[in-house]
Structures are given as C-alpha cells and as structure tokens.
Amino acid sequence: MASSFKDGVMECKIAREKTGQGDKDVYDLTKDWKVMVTYGAAAPGYRKNPHDDSLTWITENTVDFQKAVDVANVPVTYPLVKAHACLMVIAWLATAASGLLTARYMKPYWATNTIQGMKVWFWLHRTSMVLTLVLTSVGFGLIFIQIKDYSEISGPFYQKAHPILGIIVTILVYINAIMSKFRKPPGTPYRPLFNFGHFFVGTGSYILAILTIFSGVELKKLKLPIESYTILIIYCVLIFCGYSMIEMIPKLPEKKAKDENIEMDDPTTNEPEEVKKPKTRDHQKKLVLVIHLLAAWAITIALLYFIIIN
C-alpha cells in the first residue's frame, strides 16, 4: 500500500491478490462488483476512525476490475433525502405556520361565513394541519426508505439530535390529531383543558420542528449552503415580529375623531360609532396577517430552492 497527497489530490495504491485465495472476506476481483466509497478522519499512525455513514455512496452499476474505469464522475445524489427535506420544510415553515395563525387570530373574521358547514377560520386551520400531518408522514416514511434504519449521524450534538427530534415531532403531530377528535363543545367543563393541551402539543411540535430543520441544514447528504441558516433566522425573526405586532395592535391607543359630537344614530352611517372604531384595528391586523403569511411562504420557497439545486 502506498499513498501521496499533492496539490489537494490524495492518491492511494493498493496491491493484493485478485481472488483472495479462498478467503471469504476478500472480494474476488475477477468478478464485477459495485464500488462503495466513503471517508472519515484518520488518527496518527494511520489508525482508522469510524467513517461518516452520511457520506457513503455506491456506484449505480457494477465495475469491471479488469479494466481501468473512471467512477469519480458519478454524481452523488440522495433524491429521497431531498424529498424528505422539502416536505418537512413545506409542512412546518408554511402549512403549520398558517394553521397556527388562523386558529389564534382569525376567529373573529368571516363570522357568518362557512365552508363545508364549518366556520372559515376552523376550515382553514383544519386544512392546514391535515396537510402538515400528511406531509410530515410522507417525509418521515421517505427518510426511512432511504436510510433503511434509524440514522446514526456522526458530527456535533445538534446534528446527532436530528433523527430523534424528527421522531418526537412526528409522534406529537399524531397525538395532536387524535386529541382533536376528543374536542369538547365550548362552555363544557373539559373544554379549557382540551384548549390547553391542544395548544401546548401543537405549539411545542412547531417549535421542535423548527429546531429539527435547523439541525438538518449542515447534514452532508443535503450539502446546503450557509445562506440556508440566514433564511431560517429571517424566518424566526419574521414569526416573532409578526406575532408581536398582532398582539400589540389591539393595545394601541385609538386616534380621536375630529368631530366628537357625531350622533350615535347618524342617518349617514349604517353602524354606531362604537362598532366602527374597532374596524381600523381589524384592518391593521388583517394586513399584518396577510403580509406575515405571504412572507412565510416566500421564505419557504427560498429554502426549497437551495435544497433542490444543491
């Protein structure tokens, strides 16, 4: 065995028997085999450390070892890993965010309108969360098809936590879906308990999902650029600012009307003054909500772009 490292290129030469002379642990090089390629850190004295499974790849076709064949240009891609990442990003940065916002802030709107017999806010919330459940389930299944087992990731702690966090998030999604089947009518004794549990599990799974996405950015099978972190940080700032603004708007002081002597039953208006005043705040909240949701979807698309092209 001989090796060299020059101009950034490492070259290894190995001399061995072709057939292995009956040793079952030595491959017979007179036959064609697929080539498995991986790498990992080496300790002093050429002692090998465990290689990084996330960087292991196998040639698509078998290789004839009786010929000089260049397999270096075989592209290394993990389509199922990319599909998993895309589905999880859509599920949590977009559909889950939409579902949480509609449940928390859109209940007063379209009060008299219904879709399929449900209030508009509830239909939007349920549709968003069902999409989150479906996308999470498919993404969860795809990664197990790719890895074929629990993923043992080598690297920093936060990267190693990615698989277990993903499993916890998936479990919480199903728990919340099951909980929703036991929702009690408003005004019943157990309704506050349901509201708290539903909110706690839903919000908790959302926060954990964002952390899981952060921990997956640097996983080597995705090869995402550092800009992906910037996109996620912008997303988190957007979420914080959006929620803060929506909470603050009702607490802002109303501007005084120019004429405070307007009669409550002024014939030129169809509504009393006390009903008209809050509409300004409603319009402001609606505007923030729309901008917030559009920005969340735009950021989602930006991150999907990096996942797909890399």
C-alpha atoms as a PDB file:
ATOM      1  CA  MET A   1       0.000   0.000   0.000  1.00  0.00           C
ATOM      2  CA  ALA A   2       1.288   3.452  -0.914  1.00  0.00           C
ATOM      3  CA  SER A   3      -0.266   6.913  -0.749  1.00  0.00           C
ATOM      4  CA  SER A   4       0.505  10.511  -1.595  1.00  0.00           C
ATOM      5  CA  PHE A   5      -1.128  13.901  -1.192  1.00  0.00           C
ATOM      6  CA  LYS A   6      -0.161  16.591  -3.699  1.00  0.00           C
ATOM      7  CA  ASP A   7      -1.898  19.770  -4.897  1.00  0.00           C
ATOM      8  CA  GLY A   8      -5.025  18.865  -2.942  1.00  0.00           C
ATOM      9  CA  VAL A   9      -5.280  15.403  -4.528  1.00  0.00           C
ATOM     10  CA  MET A  10      -4.876  12.250  -2.481  1.00  0.00           C
ATOM     11  CA  GLU A  11      -3.694   9.148  -4.343  1.00  0.00           C
ATOM     12  CA  CYS A  12      -3.709   5.615  -2.933  1.00  0.00           C
ATOM     13  CA  LYS A  13      -2.219   2.481  -4.478  1.00  0.00           C
ATOM     14  CA  ILE A  14      -3.048  -0.983  -3.211  1.00  0.00           C
ATOM     15  CA  ALA A  15      -1.538  -4.280  -4.355  1.00  0.00           C
ATOM     16  CA  ARG A  16      -3.348  -7.522  -3.468  1.00  0.00           C
ATOM     17  CA  GLU A  17      -4.266 -10.973  -4.781  1.00  0.00           C
ATOM     18  CA  LYS A  18      -7.086 -10.901  -7.321  1.00  0.00           C
ATOM     19  CA  THR A  19      -9.067 -13.807  -5.931  1.00  0.00           C
ATOM     20  CA  GLY A  20      -8.234 -13.727  -2.238  1.00  0.00           C
ATOM     21  CA  GLN A  21      -7.242 -17.385  -2.412  1.00  0.00           C
ATOM     22  CA  GLY A  22     -10.459 -18.663  -0.818  1.00  0.00           C
ATOM     23  CA  ASP A  23     -10.718 -16.020   1.902  1.00  0.00           C
ATOM     24  CA  LYS A  24     -14.458 -15.219   2.103  1.00  0.00           C
ATOM     25  CA  ASP A  25     -13.699 -11.748   3.493  1.00  0.00           C
ATOM     26  CA  VAL A  26     -11.671 -10.778   0.395  1.00  0.00           C
ATOM     27  CA  TYR A  27     -13.653  -9.988  -2.745  1.00  0.00           C
ATOM     28  CA  ASP A  28     -12.749 -11.827  -5.950  1.00  0.00           C
ATOM     29  CA  LEU A  29     -11.649  -9.053  -8.325  1.00  0.00           C
ATOM     30  CA  THR A  30     -12.102 -11.271 -11.396  1.00  0.00           C
ATOM     31  CA  LYS A  31     -15.826 -10.598 -10.910  1.00  0.00           C
ATOM     32  CA  ASP A  32     -17.682  -7.317 -11.324  1.00  0.00           C
ATOM     33  CA  TRP A  33     -18.724  -5.502  -8.157  1.00  0.00           C
ATOM     34  CA  LYS A  34     -20.311  -2.227  -7.168  1.00  0.00           C
ATOM     35  CA  VAL A  35     -17.850   0.158  -5.529  1.00  0.00           C
ATOM     36  CA  MET A  36     -18.665   1.660  -2.150  1.00  0.00           C
ATOM     37  CA  VAL A  37     -16.934   4.950  -1.408  1.00  0.00           C
ATOM     38  CA  THR A  38     -16.731   6.682   1.950  1.00  0.00           C
ATOM     39  CA  TYR A  39     -14.302   8.697   4.023  1.00  0.00           C
ATOM     40  CA  GLY A  40     -13.627   9.633   7.601  1.00  0.00           C
ATOM     41  CA  ALA A  41     -10.991  11.039   9.901  1.00  0.00           C
ATOM     42  CA  ALA A  42      -7.680   9.206  10.396  1.00  0.00           C
ATOM     43  CA  ALA A  43      -5.794   9.083  13.683  1.00  0.00           C
ATOM     44  CA  PRO A  44      -1.996   9.399  13.959  1.00  0.00           C
ATOM     45  CA  GLY A  45      -0.181   6.292  12.822  1.00  0.00           C
ATOM     46  CA  TYR A  46      -2.752   5.647  10.036  1.00  0.00           C
ATOM     47  CA  ARG A  47      -5.264   4.264  12.510  1.00  0.00           C
ATOM     48  CA  LYS A  48      -8.784   4.496  11.100  1.00  0.00           C
ATOM     49  CA  ASN A  49     -11.677   6.125  12.898  1.00  0.00           C
ATOM     50  CA  PRO A  50     -15.315   5.217  12.062  1.00  0.00           C
ATOM     51  CA  HIS A  51     -16.283   6.726   8.739  1.00  0.00           C
ATOM     52  CA  ASP A  52     -19.219   9.068   8.250  1.00  0.00           C
ATOM     53  CA  ASP A  53     -22.188   6.999   7.043  1.00  0.00           C
ATOM     54  CA  SER A  54     -23.869  10.115   5.698  1.00  0.00           C
ATOM     55  CA  LEU A  55     -21.049  10.418   3.128  1.00  0.00           C
ATOM     56  CA  THR A  56     -21.128   6.816   1.918  1.00  0.00           C
ATOM     57  CA  TRP A  57     -22.243   6.207  -1.656  1.00  0.00           C
ATOM     58  CA  ILE A  58     -22.273   3.262  -4.040  1.00  0.00           C
ATOM     59  CA  THR A  59     -21.793   3.196  -7.812  1.00  0.00           C
ATOM     60  CA  GLU A  60     -25.039   2.736  -9.696  1.00  0.00           C
ATOM     61  CA  ASN A  61     -23.621  -0.082 -11.853  1.00  0.00           C
ATOM     62  CA  THR A  62     -21.071  -2.821 -11.256  1.00  0.00           C
ATOM     63  CA  VAL A  63     -17.430  -2.108 -12.109  1.00  0.00           C
ATOM     64  CA  ASP A  64     -15.088  -4.365 -14.113  1.00  0.00           C
ATOM     65  CA  PHE A  65     -11.864  -4.518 -12.080  1.00  0.00           C
ATOM     66  CA  GLN A  66     -10.007  -5.996 -15.041  1.00  0.00           C
ATOM     67  CA  LYS A  67     -10.168  -2.588 -16.754  1.00  0.00           C
ATOM     68  CA  ALA A  68      -9.252   0.979 -15.867  1.00  0.00           C
ATOM     69  CA  VAL A  69     -12.658   2.558 -15.204  1.00  0.00           C
ATOM     70  CA  ASP A  70     -13.246   6.122 -14.005  1.00  0.00           C
ATOM     71  CA  VAL A  71     -16.067   6.159 -11.475  1.00  0.00           C
ATOM     72  CA  ALA A  72     -15.090   9.515  -9.941  1.00  0.00           C
ATOM     73  CA  ASN A  73     -17.559  11.480 -12.058  1.00  0.00           C
ATOM     74  CA  VAL A  74     -20.601   9.552 -10.912  1.00  0.00           C
ATOM     75  CA  PRO A  75     -22.891  12.193  -9.341  1.00  0.00           C
ATOM     76  CA  VAL A  76     -23.650  11.556  -5.692  1.00  0.00           C
ATOM     77  CA  THR A  77     -27.294  12.441  -5.042  1.00  0.00           C
ATOM     78  CA  TYR A  78     -29.848  11.451  -2.469  1.00  0.00           C
ATOM     79  CA  PRO A  79     -33.245  12.224  -4.028  1.00  0.00           C
ATOM     80  CA  LEU A  80     -35.248  10.744  -1.152  1.00  0.00           C
ATOM     81  CA  VAL A  81     -33.298  12.838   1.356  1.00  0.00           C
ATOM     82  CA  LYS A  82     -34.064  15.951  -0.683  1.00  0.00           C
ATOM     83  CA  ALA A  83     -37.726  14.967  -0.955  1.00  0.00           C
ATOM     84  CA  HIS A  84     -37.812  14.425   2.830  1.00  0.00           C
ATOM     85  CA  ALA A  85     -36.290  17.872   3.432  1.00  0.00           C
ATOM     86  CA  CYS A  86     -38.673  19.596   1.003  1.00  0.00           C
ATOM     87  CA  LEU A  87     -41.776  18.011   2.522  1.00  0.00           C
ATOM     88  CA  MET A  88     -40.735  18.848   6.074  1.00  0.00           C
ATOM     89  CA  VAL A  89     -39.919  22.456   5.163  1.00  0.00           C
ATOM     90  CA  ILE A  90     -43.318  22.926   3.477  1.00  0.00           C
ATOM     91  CA  ALA A  91     -45.106  21.182   6.345  1.00  0.00           C
ATOM     92  CA  TRP A  92     -43.633  23.278   9.145  1.00  0.00           C
ATOM     93  CA  LEU A  93     -42.476  26.600   7.726  1.00  0.00           C
ATOM     94  CA  ALA A  94     -45.639  27.064   5.655  1.00  0.00           C
ATOM     95  CA  THR A  95     -48.705  24.910   6.389  1.00  0.00           C
ATOM     96  CA  ALA A  96     -48.200  24.560  10.165  1.00  0.00           C
ATOM     97  CA  ALA A  97     -47.484  28.289  10.482  1.00  0.00           C
ATOM     98  CA  SER A  98     -50.679  29.038   8.527  1.00  0.00           C
ATOM     99  CA  GLY A  99     -52.729  26.705  10.715  1.00  0.00           C
ATOM    100  CA  LEU A 100     -51.440  28.186  13.967  1.00  0.00           C
ATOM    101  CA  LEU A 101     -52.075  31.758  12.848  1.00  0.00           C
ATOM    102  CA  THR A 102     -55.626  31.098  11.670  1.00  0.00           C
ATOM    103  CA  ALA A 103     -56.553  29.353  14.939  1.00  0.00           C
ATOM    104  CA  ARG A 104     -55.128  32.112  17.101  1.00  0.00           C
ATOM    105  CA  TYR A 105     -56.060  35.296  15.226  1.00  0.00           C
ATOM    106  CA  MET A 106     -58.697  34.671  12.529  1.00  0.00           C
ATOM    107  CA  LYS A 107     -61.636  33.539  14.660  1.00  0.00           C
ATOM    108  CA  PRO A 108     -63.367  36.974  14.607  1.00  0.00           C
ATOM    109  CA  TYR A 109     -63.281  37.198  10.803  1.00  0.00           C
ATOM    110  CA  TRP A 110     -65.894  35.827   8.385  1.00  0.00           C
ATOM    111  CA  ALA A 111     -68.064  35.107  11.436  1.00  0.00           C
ATOM    112  CA  THR A 112     -71.182  34.484   9.355  1.00  0.00           C
ATOM    113  CA  ASN A 113     -69.447  32.590   6.528  1.00  0.00           C
ATOM    114  CA  THR A 114     -68.907  28.840   6.403  1.00  0.00           C
ATOM    115  CA  ILE A 115     -67.082  26.316   4.220  1.00  0.00           C
ATOM    116  CA  GLN A 116     -68.447  22.770   4.161  1.00  0.00           C
ATOM    117  CA  GLY A 117     -70.549  23.630   7.203  1.00  0.00           C
ATOM    118  CA  MET A 118     -67.564  24.880   9.236  1.00  0.00           C
ATOM    119  CA  LYS A 119     -66.528  28.385  10.193  1.00  0.00           C
ATOM    120  CA  VAL A 120     -63.967  29.764   7.784  1.00  0.00           C
ATOM    121  CA  TRP A 121     -61.166  30.025  10.362  1.00  0.00           C
ATOM    122  CA  PHE A 122     -61.733  26.448  11.512  1.00  0.00           C
ATOM    123  CA  TRP A 123     -61.798  25.099   7.956  1.00  0.00           C
ATOM    124  CA  LEU A 124     -58.502  26.915   7.174  1.00  0.00           C
ATOM    125  CA  HIS A 125     -56.941  25.708  10.435  1.00  0.00           C
ATOM    126  CA  ARG A 126     -58.009  22.105   9.960  1.00  0.00           C
ATOM    127  CA  THR A 127     -56.967  22.007   6.298  1.00  0.00           C
ATOM    128  CA  SER A 128     -53.534  23.446   7.134  1.00  0.00           C
ATOM    129  CA  MET A 129     -52.947  20.986   9.960  1.00  0.00           C
ATOM    130  CA  VAL A 130     -54.150  17.991   7.934  1.00  0.00           C
ATOM    131  CA  LEU A 131     -51.663  18.989   5.224  1.00  0.00           C
ATOM    132  CA  THR A 132     -48.976  19.243   7.902  1.00  0.00           C
ATOM    133  CA  LEU A 133     -49.841  15.743   9.121  1.00  0.00           C
ATOM    134  CA  VAL A 134     -49.805  14.261   5.600  1.00  0.00           C
ATOM    135  CA  LEU A 135     -46.562  15.966   4.525  1.00  0.00           C
ATOM    136  CA  THR A 136     -44.825  15.018   7.786  1.00  0.00           C
ATOM    137  CA  SER A 137     -45.939  11.401   7.468  1.00  0.00           C
ATOM    138  CA  VAL A 138     -44.738  11.074   3.867  1.00  0.00           C
ATOM    139  CA  GLY A 139     -41.438  12.810   4.669  1.00  0.00           C
ATOM    140  CA  PHE A 140     -40.946  10.560   7.693  1.00  0.00           C
ATOM    141  CA  GLY A 141     -41.535   7.476   5.558  1.00  0.00           C
ATOM    142  CA  LEU A 142     -39.189   8.602   2.774  1.00  0.00           C
ATOM    143  CA  ILE A 143     -36.204   9.035   5.061  1.00  0.00           C
ATOM    144  CA  PHE A 144     -36.661   5.527   6.459  1.00  0.00           C
ATOM    145  CA  ILE A 145     -36.844   4.157   2.911  1.00  0.00           C
ATOM    146  CA  GLN A 146     -33.547   5.925   2.155  1.00  0.00           C
ATOM    147  CA  ILE A 147     -31.711   5.033   5.372  1.00  0.00           C
ATOM    148  CA  LYS A 148     -33.486   1.682   5.939  1.00  0.00           C
ATOM    149  CA  ASP A 149     -32.959   2.064   9.683  1.00  0.00           C
ATOM    150  CA  TYR A 150     -32.531   4.617  12.447  1.00  0.00           C
ATOM    151  CA  SER A 151     -29.998   7.155  11.187  1.00  0.00           C
ATOM    152  CA  GLU A 152     -26.764   7.136  13.169  1.00  0.00           C
ATOM    153  CA  ILE A 153     -25.311  10.541  12.339  1.00  0.00           C
ATOM    154  CA  SER A 154     -21.745  11.425  13.244  1.00  0.00           C
ATOM    155  CA  GLY A 155     -20.928  15.024  13.964  1.00  0.00           C
ATOM    156  CA  PRO A 156     -21.820  17.703  16.529  1.00  0.00           C
ATOM    157  CA  PHE A 157     -24.513  17.024  19.129  1.00  0.00           C
ATOM    158  CA  TYR A 158     -27.171  19.103  17.388  1.00  0.00           C
ATOM    159  CA  GLN A 159     -26.732  17.064  14.190  1.00  0.00           C
ATOM    160  CA  LYS A 160     -26.908  13.773  16.072  1.00  0.00           C
ATOM    161  CA  ALA A 161     -30.165  15.020  17.635  1.00  0.00           C
ATOM    162  CA  HIS A 162     -31.822  15.429  14.221  1.00  0.00           C
ATOM    163  CA  PRO A 163     -33.297  11.893  13.938  1.00  0.00           C
ATOM    164  CA  ILE A 164     -34.667  11.721  17.473  1.00  0.00           C
ATOM    165  CA  LEU A 165     -36.143  15.229  17.210  1.00  0.00           C
ATOM    166  CA  GLY A 166     -37.812  14.250  13.946  1.00  0.00           C
ATOM    167  CA  ILE A 167     -39.350  11.163  15.555  1.00  0.00           C
ATOM    168  CA  ILE A 168     -40.639  13.212  18.510  1.00  0.00           C
ATOM    169  CA  VAL A 169     -42.182  15.812  16.176  1.00  0.00           C
ATOM    170  CA  THR A 170     -43.921  13.103  14.143  1.00  0.00           C
ATOM    171  CA  ILE A 171     -45.325  11.489  17.295  1.00  0.00           C
ATOM    172  CA  LEU A 172     -46.590  14.854  18.566  1.00  0.00           C
ATOM    173  CA  VAL A 173     -48.351  15.527  15.255  1.00  0.00           C
ATOM    174  CA  TYR A 174     -50.311  12.298  15.597  1.00  0.00           C
ATOM    175  CA  ILE A 175     -51.058  12.939  19.277  1.00  0.00           C
ATOM    176  CA  ASN A 176     -52.498  16.349  18.401  1.00  0.00           C
ATOM    177  CA  ALA A 177     -54.589  14.884  15.583  1.00  0.00           C
ATOM    178  CA  ILE A 178     -56.015  12.250  17.939  1.00  0.00           C
ATOM    179  CA  MET A 179     -56.656  14.891  20.613  1.00  0.00           C
ATOM    180  CA  SER A 180     -58.711  16.921  18.149  1.00  0.00           C
ATOM    181  CA  LYS A 181     -61.177  14.035  17.882  1.00  0.00           C
ATOM    182  CA  PHE A 182     -61.995  14.496  21.571  1.00  0.00           C
ATOM    183  CA  ARG A 183     -62.646  18.234  21.365  1.00  0.00           C
ATOM    184  CA  LYS A 184     -65.436  19.225  23.726  1.00  0.00           C
ATOM    185  CA  PRO A 185     -68.082  21.850  22.825  1.00  0.00           C
ATOM    186  CA  PRO A 186     -67.492  25.425  24.046  1.00  0.00           C
ATOM    187  CA  GLY A 187     -68.711  26.026  27.583  1.00  0.00           C
ATOM    188  CA  THR A 188     -68.304  22.443  28.775  1.00  0.00           C
ATOM    189  CA  PRO A 189     -66.133  21.762  31.856  1.00  0.00           C
ATOM    190  CA  TYR A 190     -63.325  19.988  29.986  1.00  0.00           C
ATOM    191  CA  ARG A 191     -63.055  22.466  27.115  1.00  0.00           C
ATOM    192  CA  PRO A 192     -60.353  24.637  28.821  1.00  0.00           C
ATOM    193  CA  LEU A 193     -58.293  21.505  29.468  1.00  0.00           C
ATOM    194  CA  PHE A 194     -58.586  20.496  25.819  1.00  0.00           C
ATOM    195  CA  ASN A 195     -57.655  24.009  24.662  1.00  0.00           C
ATOM    196  CA  PHE A 196     -54.533  23.996  26.818  1.00  0.00           C
ATOM    197  CA  GLY A 197     -53.447  20.504  25.727  1.00  0.00           C
ATOM    198  CA  HIS A 198     -54.126  21.186  22.046  1.00  0.00           C
ATOM    199  CA  PHE A 199     -52.225  24.480  22.195  1.00  0.00           C
ATOM    200  CA  PHE A 200     -49.319  23.011  24.177  1.00  0.00           C
ATOM    201  CA  VAL A 201     -48.805  19.982  21.902  1.00  0.00           C
ATOM    202  CA  GLY A 202     -49.349  21.958  18.684  1.00  0.00           C
ATOM    203  CA  THR A 203     -47.055  24.848  19.572  1.00  0.00           C
ATOM    204  CA  GLY A 204     -44.480  22.502  21.109  1.00  0.00           C
ATOM    205  CA  SER A 205     -44.309  20.355  17.970  1.00  0.00           C
ATOM    206  CA  TYR A 206     -43.966  23.501  15.832  1.00  0.00           C
ATOM    207  CA  ILE A 207     -41.023  24.817  17.881  1.00  0.00           C
ATOM    208  CA  LEU A 208     -39.342  21.392  17.900  1.00  0.00           C
ATOM    209  CA  ALA A 209     -39.846  21.091  14.145  1.00  0.00           C
ATOM    210  CA  ILE A 210     -38.081  24.409  13.528  1.00  0.00           C
ATOM    211  CA  LEU A 211     -35.185  23.264  15.723  1.00  0.00           C
ATOM    212  CA  THR A 212     -35.080  19.979  13.808  1.00  0.00           C
ATOM    213  CA  ILE A 213     -34.854  21.830  10.498  1.00  0.00           C
ATOM    214  CA  PHE A 214     -32.008  23.941  11.898  1.00  0.00           C
ATOM    215  CA  SER A 215     -30.164  20.772  12.945  1.00  0.00           C
ATOM    216  CA  GLY A 216     -30.567  19.304   9.456  1.00  0.00           C
ATOM    217  CA  VAL A 217     -29.105  22.198   7.468  1.00  0.00           C
ATOM    218  CA  GLU A 218     -25.493  21.012   7.777  1.00  0.00           C
ATOM    219  CA  LEU A 219     -26.163  17.315   7.193  1.00  0.00           C
ATOM    220  CA  LYS A 220     -23.785  16.343   4.419  1.00  0.00           C
ATOM    221  CA  LYS A 221     -26.288  14.490   2.256  1.00  0.00           C
ATOM    222  CA  LEU A 222     -28.075  17.799   1.670  1.00  0.00           C
ATOM    223  CA  LYS A 223     -24.970  19.977   1.241  1.00  0.00           C
ATOM    224  CA  LEU A 224     -26.923  23.169   1.857  1.00  0.00           C
ATOM    225  CA  PRO A 225     -25.016  26.476   1.709  1.00  0.00           C
ATOM    226  CA  ILE A 226     -24.538  28.656   4.755  1.00  0.00           C
ATOM    227  CA  GLU A 227     -27.203  31.016   3.368  1.00  0.00           C
ATOM    228  CA  SER A 228     -29.787  28.447   4.458  1.00  0.00           C
ATOM    229  CA  TYR A 229     -29.110  29.377   8.074  1.00  0.00           C
ATOM    230  CA  THR A 230     -29.688  33.020   7.199  1.00  0.00           C
ATOM    231  CA  ILE A 231     -33.042  32.142   5.634  1.00  0.00           C
ATOM    232  CA  LEU A 232     -34.111  30.226   8.737  1.00  0.00           C
ATOM    233  CA  ILE A 233     -33.016  33.037  11.047  1.00  0.00           C
ATOM    234  CA  ILE A 234     -35.007  35.535   8.958  1.00  0.00           C
ATOM    235  CA  TYR A 235     -37.999  33.192   9.246  1.00  0.00           C
ATOM    236  CA  CYS A 236     -37.729  33.063  13.040  1.00  0.00           C
ATOM    237  CA  VAL A 237     -37.424  36.852  13.253  1.00  0.00           C
ATOM    238  CA  LEU A 238     -40.471  37.170  10.997  1.00  0.00           C
ATOM    239  CA  ILE A 239     -42.505  34.835  13.212  1.00  0.00           C
ATOM    240  CA  PHE A 240     -41.525  36.713  16.360  1.00  0.00           C
ATOM    241  CA  CYS A 241     -42.188  40.151  14.894  1.00  0.00           C
ATOM    242  CA  GLY A 242     -45.447  39.083  13.263  1.00  0.00           C
ATOM    243  CA  TYR A 243     -46.904  37.612  16.448  1.00  0.00           C
ATOM    244  CA  SER A 244     -45.695  40.596  18.478  1.00  0.00           C
ATOM    245  CA  MET A 245     -47.296  43.115  16.116  1.00  0.00           C
ATOM    246  CA  ILE A 246     -50.615  41.271  16.010  1.00  0.00           C
ATOM    247  CA  GLU A 247     -50.696  41.120  19.815  1.00  0.00           C
ATOM    248  CA  MET A 248     -49.798  44.819  20.145  1.00  0.00           C
ATOM    249  CA  ILE A 249     -52.255  46.247  17.610  1.00  0.00           C
ATOM    250  CA  PRO A 250     -55.376  45.963  19.841  1.00  0.00           C
ATOM    251  CA  LYS A 251     -53.489  47.642  22.696  1.00  0.00           C
ATOM    252  CA  LEU A 252     -52.526  50.716  20.668  1.00  0.00           C
ATOM    253  CA  PRO A 253     -54.497  53.902  21.506  1.00  0.00           C
ATOM    254  CA  GLU A 254     -57.200  54.897  19.047  1.00  0.00           C
ATOM    255  CA  LYS A 255     -56.930  58.247  17.294  1.00  0.00           C
ATOM    256  CA  LYS A 256     -59.570  60.717  18.423  1.00  0.00           C
ATOM    257  CA  ALA A 257     -62.188  61.600  15.854  1.00  0.00           C
ATOM    258  CA  LYS A 258     -62.138  65.175  14.520  1.00  0.00           C
ATOM    259  CA  ASP A 259     -65.764  65.686  15.497  1.00  0.00           C
ATOM    260  CA  GLU A 260     -66.631  64.082  18.806  1.00  0.00           C
ATOM    261  CA  ASN A 261     -70.275  65.281  18.653  1.00  0.00           C
ATOM    262  CA  ILE A 262     -71.348  62.881  15.916  1.00  0.00           C
ATOM    263  CA  GLU A 263     -74.681  61.348  16.853  1.00  0.00           C
ATOM    264  CA  MET A 264     -74.716  57.615  17.502  1.00  0.00           C
ATOM    265  CA  ASP A 265     -77.662  57.194  15.143  1.00  0.00           C
ATOM    266  CA  ASP A 266     -76.332  59.448  12.385  1.00  0.00           C
ATOM    267  CA  PRO A 267     -78.510  58.624   9.336  1.00  0.00           C
ATOM    268  CA  THR A 268     -75.476  58.814   7.025  1.00  0.00           C
ATOM    269  CA  THR A 269     -73.986  55.717   8.602  1.00  0.00           C
ATOM    270  CA  ASN A 270     -75.302  52.205   8.962  1.00  0.00           C
ATOM    271  CA  GLU A 271     -73.406  51.395  12.142  1.00  0.00           C
ATOM    272  CA  PRO A 272     -72.987  53.092  15.513  1.00  0.00           C
ATOM    273  CA  GLU A 273     -69.672  54.747  16.264  1.00  0.00           C
ATOM    274  CA  GLU A 274     -68.574  52.127  18.798  1.00  0.00           C
ATOM    275  CA  VAL A 275     -68.796  49.452  16.097  1.00  0.00           C
ATOM    276  CA  LYS A 276     -66.917  51.491  13.524  1.00  0.00           C
ATOM    277  CA  LYS A 277     -63.889  52.236  15.697  1.00  0.00           C
ATOM    278  CA  PRO A 278     -62.552  48.674  16.072  1.00  0.00           C
ATOM    279  CA  LYS A 279     -62.654  48.164  12.313  1.00  0.00           C
ATOM    280  CA  THR A 280     -59.459  50.195  11.969  1.00  0.00           C
ATOM    281  CA  ARG A 281     -57.694  47.721  14.212  1.00  0.00           C
ATOM    282  CA  ASP A 282     -59.247  44.806  12.328  1.00  0.00           C
ATOM    283  CA  HIS A 283     -57.907  46.108   9.034  1.00  0.00           C
ATOM    284  CA  GLN A 284     -54.457  46.534  10.553  1.00  0.00           C
ATOM    285  CA  LYS A 285     -54.471  43.012  11.960  1.00  0.00           C
ATOM    286  CA  LYS A 286     -55.652  41.562   8.660  1.00  0.00           C
ATOM    287  CA  LEU A 287     -52.891  43.410   6.809  1.00  0.00           C
ATOM    288  CA  VAL A 288     -50.210  42.098   9.181  1.00  0.00           C
ATOM    289  CA  LEU A 289     -51.635  38.577   8.946  1.00  0.00           C
ATOM    290  CA  VAL A 290     -51.623  38.588   5.146  1.00  0.00           C
ATOM    291  CA  ILE A 291     -48.081  40.001   4.940  1.00  0.00           C
ATOM    292  CA  HIS A 292     -46.939  37.529   7.587  1.00  0.00           C
ATOM    293  CA  LEU A 293     -48.359  34.501   5.750  1.00  0.00           C
ATOM    294  CA  LEU A 294     -47.067  35.632   2.336  1.00  0.00           C
ATOM    295  CA  ALA A 295     -43.592  36.214   3.771  1.00  0.00           C
ATOM    296  CA  ALA A 296     -43.600  32.771   5.450  1.00  0.00           C
ATOM    297  CA  TRP A 297     -44.460  31.095   2.141  1.00  0.00           C
ATOM    298  CA  ALA A 298     -41.854  33.186   0.286  1.00  0.00           C
ATOM    299  CA  ILE A 299     -39.143  32.151   2.760  1.00  0.00           C
ATOM    300  CA  THR A 300     -40.259  28.533   2.423  1.00  0.00           C
ATOM    301  CA  ILE A 301     -39.874  28.729  -1.352  1.00  0.00           C
ATOM    302  CA  ALA A 302     -36.414  30.296  -0.965  1.00  0.00           C
ATOM    303  CA  LEU A 303     -35.239  27.429   1.254  1.00  0.00           C
ATOM    304  CA  LEU A 304     -36.765  24.868  -1.129  1.00  0.00           C
ATOM    305  CA  TYR A 305     -34.717  26.448  -3.916  1.00  0.00           C
ATOM    306  CA  PHE A 306     -31.468  25.804  -2.053  1.00  0.00           C
ATOM    307  CA  ILE A 307     -32.479  22.239  -1.217  1.00  0.00           C
ATOM    308  CA  ILE A 308     -33.326  21.411  -4.819  1.00  0.00           C
ATOM    309  CA  ILE A 309     -30.350  22.990  -6.610  1.00  0.00           C
ATOM    310  CA  ASN A 310     -27.637  21.699  -4.258  1.00  0.00           C
END
